[in-house]
Protein backbone atom coordinates (compact mmCIF):
# COMPACT_ATOMS: atom_id res chain seq x y z
CA MET A 1 157.43 8.91 101.11
CA PRO A 2 154.64 8.45 103.90
CA LEU A 3 155.70 11.31 107.16
CA CYS A 4 156.64 9.94 110.10
CA GLY A 5 155.85 11.22 113.91
CA ALA A 6 158.41 13.55 113.92
CA ASP A 7 157.50 15.34 110.35
CA VAL A 8 154.19 15.24 111.60
CA LEU A 9 154.51 16.96 115.15
CA ASN A 10 156.90 19.52 113.35
CA MET A 11 154.26 20.77 110.96
CA LYS A 12 152.53 23.92 111.25
CA LYS A 13 149.06 23.41 112.23
CA THR A 14 146.54 26.00 111.14
CA ILE A 15 143.09 27.09 111.34
CA THR A 16 141.02 28.17 108.20
CA ILE A 17 137.97 29.99 108.30
CA THR A 18 135.86 31.69 105.87
CA ALA A 19 133.17 34.45 106.55
CA HIS A 20 130.82 36.53 104.03
CA ASN A 21 127.92 38.68 105.35
CA ARG A 22 126.79 36.86 108.51
CA PRO A 23 128.96 38.49 111.86
CA ASP A 24 126.15 37.07 114.34
CA TYR A 25 127.14 33.71 113.03
CA PHE A 26 130.69 34.24 112.44
CA VAL A 27 130.75 35.33 116.45
CA ARG A 28 129.37 32.07 117.38
CA VAL A 29 132.15 30.67 115.75
CA LEU A 30 135.32 32.66 117.32
CA GLU A 31 133.66 32.58 120.61
CA THR A 32 133.41 28.47 120.18
CA LEU A 33 137.08 28.06 118.96
CA ALA A 34 138.44 30.89 121.76
CA GLN A 35 137.26 27.92 124.12
CA ASN A 36 139.90 25.53 122.83
CA VAL A 37 143.76 25.95 122.98
CA THR A 38 145.09 27.19 120.48
CA ILE A 39 148.46 28.59 121.22
CA ASP A 40 150.42 25.86 118.28
CA TRP A 41 147.76 27.07 115.67
CA GLU A 42 148.10 29.40 113.19
CA ILE A 43 144.85 31.13 112.37
CA TYR A 44 143.47 32.34 108.89
CA ILE A 45 140.72 33.59 108.15
CA SER A 46 139.33 35.26 104.89
CA ILE A 47 136.33 37.68 104.95
CA GLU A 48 134.89 38.51 101.62
CA PRO A 49 134.10 42.59 100.60
CA THR A 50 130.60 43.20 102.28
CA GLY A 51 129.05 45.84 104.25
CA VAL A 52 129.64 44.15 107.27
CA ARG A 53 133.48 43.19 106.55
CA PRO A 54 135.10 46.08 108.91
CA GLN A 55 132.69 44.52 111.81
CA MET A 56 133.86 41.15 111.12
CA ILE A 57 137.78 42.10 110.92
CA THR A 58 137.18 43.95 114.40
CA LEU A 59 135.72 40.38 115.58
CA ALA A 60 138.09 38.25 114.43
CA GLU A 61 140.96 40.62 115.75
CA THR A 62 139.12 41.27 119.22
CA TYR A 63 139.04 37.04 119.45
CA PHE A 64 142.46 36.25 117.71
CA PRO A 65 144.81 39.62 118.00
CA ASP A 66 147.29 37.75 115.84
CA VAL A 67 145.04 36.02 113.38
CA ASN A 68 146.08 36.47 109.95
CA LEU A 69 143.63 37.90 107.63
CA PHE A 70 143.00 37.12 103.98
CA LEU A 71 140.59 39.96 102.36
CA PRO A 72 139.79 39.18 99.09
CA PRO A 73 139.14 41.93 96.74
CA HIS A 74 135.92 40.53 95.37
CA LYS A 75 133.60 37.93 96.40
CA TYR A 76 134.86 34.43 95.25
CA GLY A 77 131.62 32.87 96.31
CA VAL A 78 131.07 29.43 98.07
CA ARG A 79 133.10 27.41 96.61
CA GLY A 80 135.83 29.67 95.23
CA ASN A 81 136.31 31.60 98.79
CA PRO A 82 137.69 28.39 100.66
CA TYR A 83 139.77 27.51 97.82
CA THR A 84 141.10 31.06 97.34
CA LEU A 85 142.08 31.11 101.15
CA LEU A 86 143.53 27.10 101.40
CA SER A 87 145.41 28.19 98.25
CA HIS A 88 147.15 31.29 100.01
CA VAL A 89 147.52 29.10 103.30
CA PHE A 90 149.68 26.36 101.22
CA SER A 91 151.50 29.29 99.36
CA TYR A 92 152.42 30.99 102.54
CA VAL A 93 152.79 27.81 105.25
CA GLY A 94 154.40 25.26 102.76
């Protein structure tokens, strides 16, 4: 059954971002996103384990204090990291 207008309006809106080892690009993404109205959006960010992960966590929490961080225990890679984050979000948000 297709969703009607009211169902779509009541759905939770999410933004998912995956990050790995590039704080310079990551901060550019966060700066750009922060210029938008995100009040009705839940932001989920997955940051893979690297030497700069603590710095990237700080950046994410600075720009978005209510961010939902997903910190995988090991590297899932360019295909696995987004898939794992989306699976996590769908299981949490529904």
